[in-house]
Amino acid sequence: LDGVDDFDYMGWWTNGNDCIFVFQGSDTLSDIFNAFLNEPTTAYGFQGVHLGVKRELDGLVAQMDFPAMRSKCTGTVTVSGHSLGGSLAQLFSAALNRADDPLNASLKVDYLYTFGGMGVATSPLKNDQSADGCFSGEQFWNAGHDAKGNLYVDTLGSKRCCSGMLSVMSEKTLMFSNTSNQTYSCSIALPAKKNDMGFSLHMPHKYATFMSCS
């Protein structure tokens, strides 16, 4: 619970010893305010972190029972989220896998999957548990072109929430339809010039359609 009108949520599911943590996206005005609060700050040992994402994650981390999570999650750990939840998933994963363990969690992320997440820092946060600094898994954004060929990318094209903020190091895919996409390896940046199409590309059902989920 963040403030008086903002109930934030991270779901925890298990399958045997494997765990998945899923962060909820924006659902209140407080969430939207924090999403647009893209001032750089210091958090979890990182410089240039998106202040609003940091504020959202702080409240959730304060309530996490890491000993219980460690005892249940002895297999693989996957972290995911959509929208603001995708940004929380990124920052949480980077903090968990940071070499100095700023959360004192003694828990590591094996896979990261996000959908329409904002960038979380002024430089790409790396995975200290990987030799190349990249997270296994993938990050997805819906995308499109207008009649002039200009590129539109969900969330990342918005200057209000994302100007100057980059995603963590991982494979990245722009989805133009359920049959057309473009994937960028961890070491390759997304196109620098991206435009904003508002919410038409952002809704969860649009992601489900582009990923051919029934």
N, C-alpha and C. Protein backbone atom coordinates (compact mmCIF):
# COMPACT_ATOMS: atom_id res chain seq x y z
N LEU A 1 0.85 -1.18 0.00
CA LEU A 1 0.00 0.00 0.00
C LEU A 1 0.89 1.24 0.00
N ASP A 2 0.73 2.10 -1.01
CA ASP A 2 1.54 3.31 -1.16
C ASP A 2 0.64 4.53 -1.01
N GLY A 3 0.68 5.18 0.14
CA GLY A 3 -0.20 6.31 0.37
C GLY A 3 -1.60 5.85 0.74
N VAL A 4 -2.60 6.73 0.51
CA VAL A 4 -3.96 6.41 0.94
C VAL A 4 -4.84 5.89 -0.19
N ASP A 5 -4.42 6.04 -1.43
CA ASP A 5 -5.30 5.66 -2.54
C ASP A 5 -4.63 4.73 -3.54
N ASP A 6 -3.49 4.18 -3.19
CA ASP A 6 -2.71 3.42 -4.17
C ASP A 6 -2.34 2.06 -3.59
N PHE A 7 -3.02 1.03 -4.08
CA PHE A 7 -2.72 -0.32 -3.65
C PHE A 7 -1.88 -1.00 -4.74
N ASP A 8 -0.60 -1.20 -4.47
CA ASP A 8 0.30 -1.83 -5.43
C ASP A 8 0.39 -3.31 -5.14
N TYR A 9 0.78 -4.08 -6.15
CA TYR A 9 0.67 -5.54 -6.03
C TYR A 9 1.78 -6.25 -6.79
N MET A 10 2.36 -7.26 -6.15
CA MET A 10 3.23 -8.21 -6.82
C MET A 10 2.71 -9.61 -6.53
N GLY A 11 2.35 -10.33 -7.57
CA GLY A 11 1.88 -11.70 -7.41
C GLY A 11 3.03 -12.68 -7.36
N TRP A 12 2.86 -13.75 -6.59
CA TRP A 12 3.89 -14.78 -6.44
C TRP A 12 3.26 -16.14 -6.68
N TRP A 13 3.73 -16.82 -7.74
CA TRP A 13 3.23 -18.14 -8.07
C TRP A 13 4.38 -19.14 -8.03
N THR A 14 4.06 -20.37 -7.67
CA THR A 14 5.06 -21.43 -7.62
C THR A 14 4.62 -22.61 -8.47
N ASN A 15 5.59 -23.31 -9.02
CA ASN A 15 5.38 -24.57 -9.73
C ASN A 15 6.51 -25.49 -9.28
N GLY A 16 6.23 -26.32 -8.28
CA GLY A 16 7.31 -27.06 -7.65
C GLY A 16 8.22 -26.09 -6.93
N ASN A 17 9.51 -26.12 -7.27
CA ASN A 17 10.48 -25.20 -6.66
C ASN A 17 10.73 -23.95 -7.51
N ASP A 18 10.05 -23.86 -8.65
CA ASP A 18 10.20 -22.70 -9.52
C ASP A 18 9.21 -21.62 -9.11
N CYS A 19 9.63 -20.35 -9.23
CA CYS A 19 8.78 -19.22 -8.82
C CYS A 19 8.71 -18.18 -9.92
N ILE A 20 7.56 -17.52 -9.97
CA ILE A 20 7.42 -16.36 -10.85
C ILE A 20 6.80 -15.22 -10.04
N PHE A 21 7.41 -14.04 -10.15
CA PHE A 21 6.92 -12.83 -9.50
C PHE A 21 6.44 -11.88 -10.58
N VAL A 22 5.19 -11.44 -10.47
CA VAL A 22 4.58 -10.59 -11.50
C VAL A 22 4.10 -9.29 -10.87
N PHE A 23 4.57 -8.17 -11.42
CA PHE A 23 4.21 -6.85 -10.91
C PHE A 23 3.04 -6.27 -11.69
N GLN A 24 2.08 -5.73 -10.94
CA GLN A 24 0.92 -5.08 -11.53
C GLN A 24 1.30 -3.72 -12.11
N GLY A 25 0.62 -3.33 -13.18
CA GLY A 25 0.85 -2.02 -13.78
C GLY A 25 0.05 -0.93 -13.10
N SER A 26 0.01 0.24 -13.72
CA SER A 26 -0.67 1.41 -13.13
C SER A 26 -2.17 1.18 -13.03
N ASP A 27 -2.75 1.54 -11.88
CA ASP A 27 -4.20 1.47 -11.75
C ASP A 27 -4.78 2.64 -10.95
N THR A 28 -3.94 3.61 -10.55
CA THR A 28 -4.42 4.78 -9.83
C THR A 28 -3.69 6.02 -10.34
N LEU A 29 -4.19 7.18 -9.96
CA LEU A 29 -3.53 8.43 -10.32
C LEU A 29 -2.14 8.53 -9.70
N SER A 30 -1.96 7.95 -8.50
CA SER A 30 -0.64 7.95 -7.87
C SER A 30 0.37 7.19 -8.72
N ASP A 31 -0.07 6.06 -9.29
CA ASP A 31 0.81 5.29 -10.17
C ASP A 31 1.19 6.11 -11.40
N ILE A 32 0.21 6.77 -11.99
CA ILE A 32 0.48 7.56 -13.19
C ILE A 32 1.43 8.71 -12.87
N PHE A 33 1.22 9.35 -11.71
CA PHE A 33 2.12 10.42 -11.29
C PHE A 33 3.55 9.90 -11.20
N ASN A 34 3.73 8.74 -10.56
CA ASN A 34 5.07 8.18 -10.44
C ASN A 34 5.64 7.75 -11.78
N ALA A 35 4.79 7.26 -12.66
CA ALA A 35 5.27 6.87 -13.99
C ALA A 35 5.85 8.06 -14.74
N PHE A 36 5.27 9.24 -14.53
CA PHE A 36 5.75 10.45 -15.21
C PHE A 36 6.88 11.13 -14.44
N LEU A 37 7.22 10.62 -13.26
CA LEU A 37 8.25 11.25 -12.43
C LEU A 37 9.61 10.66 -12.82
N ASN A 38 10.07 11.04 -14.00
CA ASN A 38 11.28 10.41 -14.56
C ASN A 38 12.55 11.18 -14.25
N GLU A 39 12.61 11.79 -13.07
CA GLU A 39 13.85 12.43 -12.63
C GLU A 39 14.85 11.36 -12.20
N PRO A 40 16.13 11.50 -12.54
CA PRO A 40 17.12 10.49 -12.13
C PRO A 40 17.47 10.61 -10.65
N THR A 41 17.60 9.46 -10.01
CA THR A 41 17.98 9.44 -8.60
C THR A 41 18.88 8.23 -8.36
N THR A 42 19.37 8.08 -7.14
CA THR A 42 20.19 6.93 -6.76
C THR A 42 19.31 5.92 -6.02
N ALA A 43 19.40 4.65 -6.39
CA ALA A 43 18.59 3.63 -5.74
C ALA A 43 19.25 2.27 -5.88
N TYR A 44 19.27 1.52 -4.79
CA TYR A 44 19.78 0.15 -4.79
C TYR A 44 21.19 0.05 -5.36
N GLY A 45 21.98 1.10 -5.14
CA GLY A 45 23.36 1.12 -5.61
C GLY A 45 23.53 1.59 -7.03
N PHE A 46 22.44 1.92 -7.72
CA PHE A 46 22.50 2.38 -9.11
C PHE A 46 22.34 3.89 -9.18
N GLN A 47 22.98 4.49 -10.17
CA GLN A 47 22.84 5.92 -10.44
C GLN A 47 21.85 6.12 -11.59
N GLY A 48 21.18 7.28 -11.58
CA GLY A 48 20.32 7.64 -12.70
C GLY A 48 19.03 6.87 -12.80
N VAL A 49 18.52 6.35 -11.68
CA VAL A 49 17.31 5.53 -11.68
C VAL A 49 16.06 6.42 -11.76
N HIS A 50 15.06 5.97 -12.48
CA HIS A 50 13.76 6.64 -12.61
C HIS A 50 13.15 6.78 -11.21
N LEU A 51 12.98 8.03 -10.76
CA LEU A 51 12.53 8.29 -9.39
C LEU A 51 11.16 7.68 -9.11
N GLY A 52 10.23 7.80 -10.04
CA GLY A 52 8.90 7.27 -9.80
C GLY A 52 8.88 5.76 -9.66
N VAL A 53 9.67 5.06 -10.48
CA VAL A 53 9.75 3.61 -10.38
C VAL A 53 10.38 3.20 -9.05
N LYS A 54 11.40 3.93 -8.66
CA LYS A 54 12.03 3.67 -7.36
C LYS A 54 11.03 3.82 -6.23
N ARG A 55 10.23 4.87 -6.26
CA ARG A 55 9.24 5.10 -5.21
C ARG A 55 8.22 3.98 -5.15
N GLU A 56 7.78 3.52 -6.31
CA GLU A 56 6.81 2.43 -6.36
C GLU A 56 7.40 1.12 -5.81
N LEU A 57 8.64 0.84 -6.19
CA LEU A 57 9.26 -0.41 -5.76
C LEU A 57 9.59 -0.40 -4.27
N ASP A 58 9.96 0.75 -3.73
CA ASP A 58 10.32 0.82 -2.32
C ASP A 58 9.21 0.27 -1.42
N GLY A 59 7.98 0.67 -1.69
CA GLY A 59 6.87 0.24 -0.85
C GLY A 59 6.62 -1.24 -0.92
N LEU A 60 6.82 -1.84 -2.09
CA LEU A 60 6.62 -3.28 -2.24
C LEU A 60 7.75 -4.06 -1.59
N VAL A 61 8.98 -3.62 -1.81
CA VAL A 61 10.13 -4.33 -1.23
C VAL A 61 10.04 -4.35 0.30
N ALA A 62 9.52 -3.27 0.88
CA ALA A 62 9.42 -3.18 2.35
C ALA A 62 8.52 -4.27 2.92
N GLN A 63 7.62 -4.83 2.09
CA GLN A 63 6.70 -5.85 2.57
C GLN A 63 7.07 -7.27 2.13
N MET A 64 8.15 -7.41 1.41
CA MET A 64 8.53 -8.74 0.92
C MET A 64 9.20 -9.57 2.01
N ASP A 65 8.79 -10.83 2.08
CA ASP A 65 9.35 -11.78 3.05
C ASP A 65 10.42 -12.60 2.32
N PHE A 66 11.64 -12.07 2.26
CA PHE A 66 12.69 -12.73 1.49
C PHE A 66 13.06 -14.11 2.04
N PRO A 67 13.10 -14.33 3.36
CA PRO A 67 13.37 -15.69 3.84
C PRO A 67 12.34 -16.70 3.32
N ALA A 68 11.06 -16.32 3.31
CA ALA A 68 10.03 -17.23 2.79
C ALA A 68 10.21 -17.44 1.30
N MET A 69 10.56 -16.39 0.58
CA MET A 69 10.77 -16.50 -0.86
C MET A 69 11.95 -17.42 -1.16
N ARG A 70 13.02 -17.27 -0.40
CA ARG A 70 14.19 -18.14 -0.61
C ARG A 70 13.86 -19.60 -0.35
N SER A 71 13.09 -19.86 0.70
CA SER A 71 12.79 -21.24 1.08
C SER A 71 11.93 -21.95 0.04
N LYS A 72 11.07 -21.19 -0.65
CA LYS A 72 10.18 -21.77 -1.66
C LYS A 72 10.82 -21.80 -3.04
N CYS A 73 11.65 -20.81 -3.33
CA CYS A 73 12.14 -20.62 -4.70
C CYS A 73 13.57 -21.15 -4.83
N THR A 74 13.72 -22.44 -4.74
CA THR A 74 15.04 -23.06 -4.88
C THR A 74 15.32 -23.50 -6.31
N GLY A 75 14.32 -23.38 -7.18
CA GLY A 75 14.51 -23.66 -8.60
C GLY A 75 14.75 -22.37 -9.35
N THR A 76 14.12 -22.22 -10.51
CA THR A 76 14.29 -21.00 -11.30
C THR A 76 13.38 -19.89 -10.78
N VAL A 77 13.84 -18.65 -10.95
CA VAL A 77 13.06 -17.47 -10.57
C VAL A 77 12.84 -16.63 -11.83
N THR A 78 11.58 -16.36 -12.13
CA THR A 78 11.21 -15.53 -13.28
C THR A 78 10.46 -14.30 -12.76
N VAL A 79 10.76 -13.14 -13.34
CA VAL A 79 10.11 -11.89 -12.95
C VAL A 79 9.48 -11.28 -14.20
N SER A 80 8.25 -10.74 -14.04
CA SER A 80 7.53 -10.22 -15.19
C SER A 80 6.64 -9.05 -14.77
N GLY A 81 6.08 -8.35 -15.76
CA GLY A 81 5.15 -7.26 -15.50
C GLY A 81 4.82 -6.52 -16.78
N HIS A 82 3.68 -5.82 -16.75
CA HIS A 82 3.23 -5.01 -17.88
C HIS A 82 3.19 -3.56 -17.46
N SER A 83 3.57 -2.64 -18.36
CA SER A 83 3.48 -1.21 -18.13
C SER A 83 4.39 -0.81 -16.96
N LEU A 84 3.87 -0.06 -15.99
CA LEU A 84 4.66 0.27 -14.81
C LEU A 84 5.16 -1.01 -14.13
N GLY A 85 4.36 -2.07 -14.18
CA GLY A 85 4.79 -3.35 -13.63
C GLY A 85 6.02 -3.90 -14.33
N GLY A 86 6.14 -3.64 -15.65
CA GLY A 86 7.33 -4.06 -16.37
C GLY A 86 8.55 -3.30 -15.93
N SER A 87 8.37 -2.03 -15.58
CA SER A 87 9.49 -1.24 -15.06
C SER A 87 9.90 -1.71 -13.67
N LEU A 88 8.91 -2.00 -12.83
CA LEU A 88 9.21 -2.54 -11.50
C LEU A 88 9.94 -3.87 -11.61
N ALA A 89 9.52 -4.71 -12.57
CA ALA A 89 10.18 -5.99 -12.77
C ALA A 89 11.64 -5.81 -13.15
N GLN A 90 11.93 -4.82 -13.99
CA GLN A 90 13.31 -4.55 -14.40
C GLN A 90 14.18 -4.12 -13.22
N LEU A 91 13.70 -3.11 -12.48
CA LEU A 91 14.50 -2.58 -11.38
C LEU A 91 14.66 -3.62 -10.27
N PHE A 92 13.61 -4.36 -9.98
CA PHE A 92 13.67 -5.43 -8.98
C PHE A 92 14.70 -6.48 -9.38
N SER A 93 14.68 -6.89 -10.64
CA SER A 93 15.61 -7.92 -11.12
C SER A 93 17.06 -7.43 -11.05
N ALA A 94 17.28 -6.18 -11.46
CA ALA A 94 18.64 -5.63 -11.42
C ALA A 94 19.15 -5.55 -9.99
N ALA A 95 18.27 -5.17 -9.05
CA ALA A 95 18.67 -5.07 -7.65
C ALA A 95 18.95 -6.45 -7.06
N LEU A 96 18.07 -7.43 -7.35
CA LEU A 96 18.29 -8.79 -6.83
C LEU A 96 19.60 -9.38 -7.32
N ASN A 97 19.93 -9.12 -8.58
CA ASN A 97 21.11 -9.74 -9.17
C ASN A 97 22.37 -8.90 -9.04
N ARG A 98 22.26 -7.75 -8.41
CA ARG A 98 23.45 -6.92 -8.19
C ARG A 98 24.42 -7.65 -7.26
N ALA A 99 25.70 -7.54 -7.55
CA ALA A 99 26.72 -8.31 -6.83
C ALA A 99 26.71 -8.05 -5.33
N ASP A 100 26.43 -6.80 -4.92
CA ASP A 100 26.47 -6.48 -3.49
C ASP A 100 25.12 -6.68 -2.80
N ASP A 101 24.13 -7.21 -3.51
CA ASP A 101 22.83 -7.60 -2.94
C ASP A 101 22.24 -6.50 -2.05
N PRO A 102 21.87 -5.34 -2.63
CA PRO A 102 21.39 -4.22 -1.82
C PRO A 102 20.09 -4.51 -1.07
N LEU A 103 19.33 -5.49 -1.50
CA LEU A 103 18.08 -5.84 -0.82
C LEU A 103 18.28 -6.87 0.29
N ASN A 104 19.51 -7.38 0.41
CA ASN A 104 19.79 -8.46 1.37
C ASN A 104 18.82 -9.61 1.19
N ALA A 105 18.55 -9.94 -0.07
CA ALA A 105 17.55 -10.95 -0.39
C ALA A 105 18.14 -12.35 -0.56
N SER A 106 19.41 -12.41 -0.98
CA SER A 106 20.05 -13.71 -1.29
C SER A 106 19.16 -14.53 -2.23
N LEU A 107 18.64 -13.85 -3.24
CA LEU A 107 17.74 -14.46 -4.21
C LEU A 107 18.10 -13.92 -5.59
N LYS A 108 18.20 -14.79 -6.58
CA LYS A 108 18.64 -14.36 -7.90
C LYS A 108 17.57 -14.63 -8.95
N VAL A 109 17.53 -13.76 -9.95
CA VAL A 109 16.56 -13.86 -11.05
C VAL A 109 17.20 -14.61 -12.22
N ASP A 110 16.49 -15.61 -12.72
CA ASP A 110 16.97 -16.38 -13.87
C ASP A 110 16.42 -15.85 -15.18
N TYR A 111 15.16 -15.39 -15.17
CA TYR A 111 14.52 -14.93 -16.40
C TYR A 111 13.70 -13.67 -16.12
N LEU A 112 13.75 -12.74 -17.08
CA LEU A 112 13.00 -11.49 -17.00
C LEU A 112 12.18 -11.34 -18.28
N TYR A 113 10.86 -11.16 -18.12
CA TYR A 113 9.97 -10.92 -19.25
C TYR A 113 9.10 -9.70 -18.94
N THR A 114 9.13 -8.69 -19.80
CA THR A 114 8.31 -7.51 -19.58
C THR A 114 7.54 -7.16 -20.84
N PHE A 115 6.45 -6.40 -20.65
CA PHE A 115 5.55 -6.03 -21.74
C PHE A 115 5.19 -4.54 -21.59
N GLY A 116 5.67 -3.72 -22.51
CA GLY A 116 5.35 -2.30 -22.48
C GLY A 116 5.91 -1.57 -21.27
N GLY A 117 7.06 -2.00 -20.79
CA GLY A 117 7.67 -1.36 -19.63
C GLY A 117 8.44 -0.11 -20.00
N MET A 118 8.46 0.85 -19.09
CA MET A 118 9.26 2.06 -19.29
C MET A 118 10.73 1.75 -19.03
N GLY A 119 11.61 2.60 -19.55
CA GLY A 119 13.00 2.52 -19.17
C GLY A 119 13.14 2.88 -17.70
N VAL A 120 14.18 2.37 -17.05
CA VAL A 120 14.29 2.54 -15.60
C VAL A 120 15.54 3.29 -15.15
N ALA A 121 16.44 3.63 -16.06
CA ALA A 121 17.65 4.34 -15.67
C ALA A 121 18.26 5.03 -16.88
N THR A 122 19.13 5.99 -16.62
CA THR A 122 19.73 6.76 -17.70
C THR A 122 20.77 5.97 -18.49
N SER A 123 21.20 4.84 -17.95
CA SER A 123 22.04 3.90 -18.70
C SER A 123 21.51 2.50 -18.41
N PRO A 124 21.67 1.56 -19.34
CA PRO A 124 21.08 0.23 -19.14
C PRO A 124 21.67 -0.49 -17.92
N LEU A 125 20.82 -0.87 -16.98
CA LEU A 125 21.29 -1.62 -15.82
C LEU A 125 21.62 -3.05 -16.24
N LYS A 126 22.70 -3.59 -15.71
CA LYS A 126 23.16 -4.91 -16.14
C LYS A 126 22.83 -5.98 -15.10
N ASN A 127 22.96 -7.21 -15.55
CA ASN A 127 22.78 -8.38 -14.71
C ASN A 127 24.15 -8.84 -14.21
N ASP A 128 24.44 -8.59 -12.95
CA ASP A 128 25.76 -8.95 -12.41
C ASP A 128 25.98 -10.45 -12.33
N GLN A 129 24.91 -11.23 -12.48
CA GLN A 129 25.04 -12.69 -12.39
C GLN A 129 25.32 -13.33 -13.75
N SER A 130 25.45 -12.50 -14.78
CA SER A 130 25.71 -12.98 -16.13
C SER A 130 27.03 -12.41 -16.64
N ALA A 131 27.82 -13.22 -17.31
CA ALA A 131 29.12 -12.77 -17.79
C ALA A 131 29.00 -11.60 -18.76
N ASP A 132 27.94 -11.59 -19.56
CA ASP A 132 27.77 -10.51 -20.54
C ASP A 132 26.88 -9.39 -20.04
N GLY A 133 26.41 -9.51 -18.79
CA GLY A 133 25.58 -8.46 -18.21
C GLY A 133 24.14 -8.49 -18.64
N CYS A 134 23.75 -9.48 -19.43
CA CYS A 134 22.40 -9.53 -19.98
C CYS A 134 21.49 -10.45 -19.18
N PHE A 135 20.22 -10.07 -19.08
CA PHE A 135 19.21 -10.94 -18.47
C PHE A 135 18.68 -11.91 -19.51
N SER A 136 18.53 -13.17 -19.12
CA SER A 136 17.83 -14.13 -19.96
C SER A 136 16.35 -13.79 -19.94
N GLY A 137 15.65 -14.16 -21.00
CA GLY A 137 14.25 -13.78 -21.15
C GLY A 137 14.12 -12.79 -22.29
N GLU A 138 13.14 -11.90 -22.23
CA GLU A 138 12.91 -10.97 -23.34
C GLU A 138 11.98 -9.84 -22.89
N GLN A 139 12.17 -8.67 -23.50
CA GLN A 139 11.28 -7.55 -23.24
C GLN A 139 10.55 -7.20 -24.54
N PHE A 140 9.24 -6.96 -24.43
CA PHE A 140 8.39 -6.76 -25.60
C PHE A 140 7.71 -5.39 -25.55
N TRP A 141 7.59 -4.77 -26.74
CA TRP A 141 6.82 -3.55 -26.89
C TRP A 141 6.01 -3.64 -28.18
N ASN A 142 4.75 -3.28 -28.14
CA ASN A 142 3.97 -3.13 -29.36
C ASN A 142 4.48 -1.91 -30.12
N ALA A 143 4.42 -2.00 -31.43
CA ALA A 143 4.97 -0.92 -32.26
C ALA A 143 4.19 -0.82 -33.56
N GLY A 144 4.42 0.26 -34.30
CA GLY A 144 3.77 0.45 -35.58
C GLY A 144 4.45 1.55 -36.37
N HIS A 145 4.02 1.72 -37.61
CA HIS A 145 4.51 2.80 -38.47
C HIS A 145 3.32 3.59 -39.00
N ASP A 146 3.51 4.89 -39.19
CA ASP A 146 2.46 5.66 -39.83
C ASP A 146 2.68 5.66 -41.35
N ALA A 147 1.85 6.41 -42.06
CA ALA A 147 1.91 6.40 -43.52
C ALA A 147 3.23 6.91 -44.07
N LYS A 148 3.95 7.70 -43.26
CA LYS A 148 5.24 8.23 -43.69
C LYS A 148 6.40 7.35 -43.25
N GLY A 149 6.09 6.25 -42.61
CA GLY A 149 7.15 5.34 -42.18
C GLY A 149 7.75 5.66 -40.82
N ASN A 150 7.18 6.63 -40.11
CA ASN A 150 7.69 6.96 -38.78
C ASN A 150 7.38 5.83 -37.80
N LEU A 151 8.34 5.53 -36.94
CA LEU A 151 8.20 4.44 -35.99
C LEU A 151 7.51 4.90 -34.72
N TYR A 152 6.52 4.15 -34.29
CA TYR A 152 5.83 4.37 -33.02
C TYR A 152 6.06 3.16 -32.12
N VAL A 153 6.45 3.42 -30.88
CA VAL A 153 6.71 2.34 -29.93
C VAL A 153 5.96 2.61 -28.64
N ASP A 154 5.22 1.63 -28.19
CA ASP A 154 4.48 1.77 -26.94
C ASP A 154 5.39 2.20 -25.79
N THR A 155 4.94 3.12 -25.01
CA THR A 155 5.61 3.59 -23.79
C THR A 155 6.93 4.30 -24.08
N LEU A 156 7.86 3.64 -24.75
CA LEU A 156 9.19 4.21 -24.96
C LEU A 156 9.16 5.45 -25.83
N GLY A 157 8.08 5.63 -26.61
CA GLY A 157 7.97 6.82 -27.43
C GLY A 157 7.46 8.03 -26.65
N SER A 158 7.02 7.81 -25.41
CA SER A 158 6.45 8.89 -24.61
C SER A 158 7.55 9.69 -23.91
N LYS A 159 7.58 10.97 -24.16
CA LYS A 159 8.56 11.83 -23.50
C LYS A 159 8.17 12.11 -22.05
N ARG A 160 6.89 11.99 -21.73
CA ARG A 160 6.44 12.30 -20.37
C ARG A 160 6.96 11.29 -19.34
N CYS A 161 7.02 10.03 -19.71
CA CYS A 161 7.46 9.03 -18.74
C CYS A 161 8.86 8.52 -18.99
N CYS A 162 9.32 8.61 -20.22
CA CYS A 162 10.48 7.80 -20.59
C CYS A 162 11.66 8.55 -21.19
N SER A 163 11.56 9.85 -21.31
CA SER A 163 12.65 10.60 -21.93
C SER A 163 13.95 10.41 -21.16
N GLY A 164 14.96 9.91 -21.84
CA GLY A 164 16.28 9.72 -21.24
C GLY A 164 16.43 8.45 -20.43
N MET A 165 15.37 7.64 -20.34
CA MET A 165 15.42 6.42 -19.54
C MET A 165 15.51 5.18 -20.44
N LEU A 166 16.39 4.25 -20.07
CA LEU A 166 16.64 3.05 -20.87
C LEU A 166 16.29 1.79 -20.09
N SER A 167 16.00 0.74 -20.82
CA SER A 167 15.66 -0.53 -20.20
C SER A 167 16.92 -1.28 -19.77
N VAL A 168 16.73 -2.28 -18.93
CA VAL A 168 17.87 -3.10 -18.50
C VAL A 168 18.39 -3.91 -19.69
N MET A 169 19.56 -4.48 -19.55
CA MET A 169 20.19 -5.23 -20.63
C MET A 169 19.51 -6.58 -20.82
N SER A 170 18.93 -6.77 -22.00
CA SER A 170 18.26 -8.03 -22.34
C SER A 170 17.93 -8.02 -23.82
N GLU A 171 17.44 -9.14 -24.32
CA GLU A 171 16.91 -9.17 -25.68
C GLU A 171 15.62 -8.37 -25.71
N LYS A 172 15.37 -7.64 -26.83
CA LYS A 172 14.23 -6.75 -26.94
C LYS A 172 13.51 -7.00 -28.25
N THR A 173 12.18 -7.01 -28.21
CA THR A 173 11.41 -7.26 -29.42
C THR A 173 10.31 -6.22 -29.60
N LEU A 174 10.25 -5.63 -30.79
CA LEU A 174 9.14 -4.76 -31.18
C LEU A 174 8.15 -5.61 -31.97
N MET A 175 6.89 -5.59 -31.55
CA MET A 175 5.85 -6.40 -32.19
C MET A 175 4.92 -5.49 -33.00
N PHE A 176 4.88 -5.71 -34.31
CA PHE A 176 4.05 -4.90 -35.21
C PHE A 176 2.70 -5.55 -35.49
N SER A 177 2.62 -6.84 -35.27
CA SER A 177 1.37 -7.60 -35.40
C SER A 177 1.66 -8.99 -34.83
N ASN A 178 0.69 -9.88 -34.96
CA ASN A 178 0.94 -11.24 -34.47
C ASN A 178 1.78 -12.06 -35.44
N THR A 179 2.11 -11.47 -36.59
CA THR A 179 2.95 -12.18 -37.56
C THR A 179 4.21 -11.41 -37.93
N SER A 180 4.40 -10.22 -37.37
CA SER A 180 5.54 -9.39 -37.74
C SER A 180 6.18 -8.78 -36.50
N ASN A 181 7.46 -9.03 -36.32
CA ASN A 181 8.18 -8.43 -35.21
C ASN A 181 9.65 -8.26 -35.57
N GLN A 182 10.34 -7.50 -34.77
CA GLN A 182 11.77 -7.27 -34.98
C GLN A 182 12.47 -7.39 -33.63
N THR A 183 13.45 -8.28 -33.55
CA THR A 183 14.15 -8.54 -32.30
C THR A 183 15.55 -7.95 -32.34
N TYR A 184 15.94 -7.33 -31.24
CA TYR A 184 17.26 -6.74 -31.08
C TYR A 184 17.99 -7.51 -29.98
N SER A 185 19.20 -7.94 -30.26
CA SER A 185 19.96 -8.66 -29.25
C SER A 185 20.29 -7.74 -28.08
N CYS A 186 20.73 -8.32 -27.00
CA CYS A 186 21.02 -7.56 -25.79
C CYS A 186 22.00 -6.41 -26.05
N SER A 187 22.94 -6.61 -26.92
CA SER A 187 24.00 -5.61 -27.16
C SER A 187 23.59 -4.54 -28.16
N ILE A 188 22.42 -4.69 -28.80
CA ILE A 188 21.96 -3.74 -29.81
C ILE A 188 20.85 -2.88 -29.23
N ALA A 189 20.99 -1.56 -29.33
CA ALA A 189 19.99 -0.64 -28.79
C ALA A 189 18.78 -0.56 -29.72
N LEU A 190 17.63 -0.26 -29.16
CA LEU A 190 16.45 0.03 -29.96
C LEU A 190 16.67 1.33 -30.73
N PRO A 191 15.94 1.54 -31.83
CA PRO A 191 16.10 2.79 -32.58
C PRO A 191 15.94 4.01 -31.67
N ALA A 192 16.80 4.98 -31.86
CA ALA A 192 16.79 6.16 -30.99
C ALA A 192 15.54 7.01 -31.21
N LYS A 193 15.08 7.11 -32.44
CA LYS A 193 13.91 7.95 -32.75
C LYS A 193 12.64 7.11 -32.67
N LYS A 194 11.85 7.37 -31.65
CA LYS A 194 10.59 6.65 -31.45
C LYS A 194 9.50 7.66 -31.13
N ASN A 195 8.31 7.44 -31.67
CA ASN A 195 7.20 8.36 -31.46
C ASN A 195 6.14 7.71 -30.57
N ASP A 196 5.25 8.55 -30.04
CA ASP A 196 4.22 8.13 -29.09
C ASP A 196 2.87 8.02 -29.79
N MET A 197 2.19 6.89 -29.64
CA MET A 197 0.86 6.68 -30.20
C MET A 197 -0.20 6.62 -29.11
N GLY A 198 0.14 7.07 -27.90
CA GLY A 198 -0.83 7.05 -26.81
C GLY A 198 -1.12 5.63 -26.35
N PHE A 199 -2.36 5.39 -25.94
CA PHE A 199 -2.72 4.10 -25.36
C PHE A 199 -3.14 3.06 -26.40
N SER A 200 -3.16 3.42 -27.66
CA SER A 200 -3.65 2.48 -28.67
C SER A 200 -2.78 1.23 -28.77
N LEU A 201 -1.52 1.35 -28.40
CA LEU A 201 -0.62 0.19 -28.44
C LEU A 201 -0.38 -0.41 -27.06
N HIS A 202 -0.93 0.20 -26.02
CA HIS A 202 -0.50 -0.12 -24.66
C HIS A 202 -1.34 -1.15 -23.91
N MET A 203 -2.58 -1.30 -24.28
CA MET A 203 -3.48 -2.11 -23.46
C MET A 203 -3.08 -3.59 -23.47
N PRO A 204 -3.29 -4.29 -22.33
CA PRO A 204 -2.88 -5.69 -22.24
C PRO A 204 -3.46 -6.58 -23.34
N HIS A 205 -4.73 -6.32 -23.72
CA HIS A 205 -5.33 -7.17 -24.75
C HIS A 205 -4.61 -7.02 -26.09
N LYS A 206 -4.01 -5.85 -26.33
CA LYS A 206 -3.24 -5.64 -27.56
C LYS A 206 -1.99 -6.51 -27.54
N TYR A 207 -1.36 -6.61 -26.38
CA TYR A 207 -0.20 -7.50 -26.26
C TYR A 207 -0.61 -8.95 -26.46
N ALA A 208 -1.74 -9.33 -25.88
CA ALA A 208 -2.21 -10.71 -26.04
C ALA A 208 -2.48 -11.02 -27.52
N THR A 209 -3.03 -10.04 -28.24
CA THR A 209 -3.31 -10.25 -29.68
C THR A 209 -2.02 -10.38 -30.46
N PHE A 210 -1.07 -9.47 -30.23
CA PHE A 210 0.18 -9.50 -30.98
C PHE A 210 1.02 -10.74 -30.65
N MET A 211 0.81 -11.33 -29.46
CA MET A 211 1.54 -12.55 -29.09
C MET A 211 0.74 -13.81 -29.40
N SER A 212 -0.42 -13.62 -30.06
CA SER A 212 -1.29 -14.74 -30.45
C SER A 212 -1.72 -15.57 -29.25
N CYS A 213 -1.98 -14.89 -28.13
CA CYS A 213 -2.49 -15.59 -26.94
C CYS A 213 -4.01 -15.72 -27.07
N SER A 214 -4.53 -16.88 -26.77
CA SER A 214 -5.99 -17.11 -26.87
C SER A 214 -6.65 -16.71 -25.56
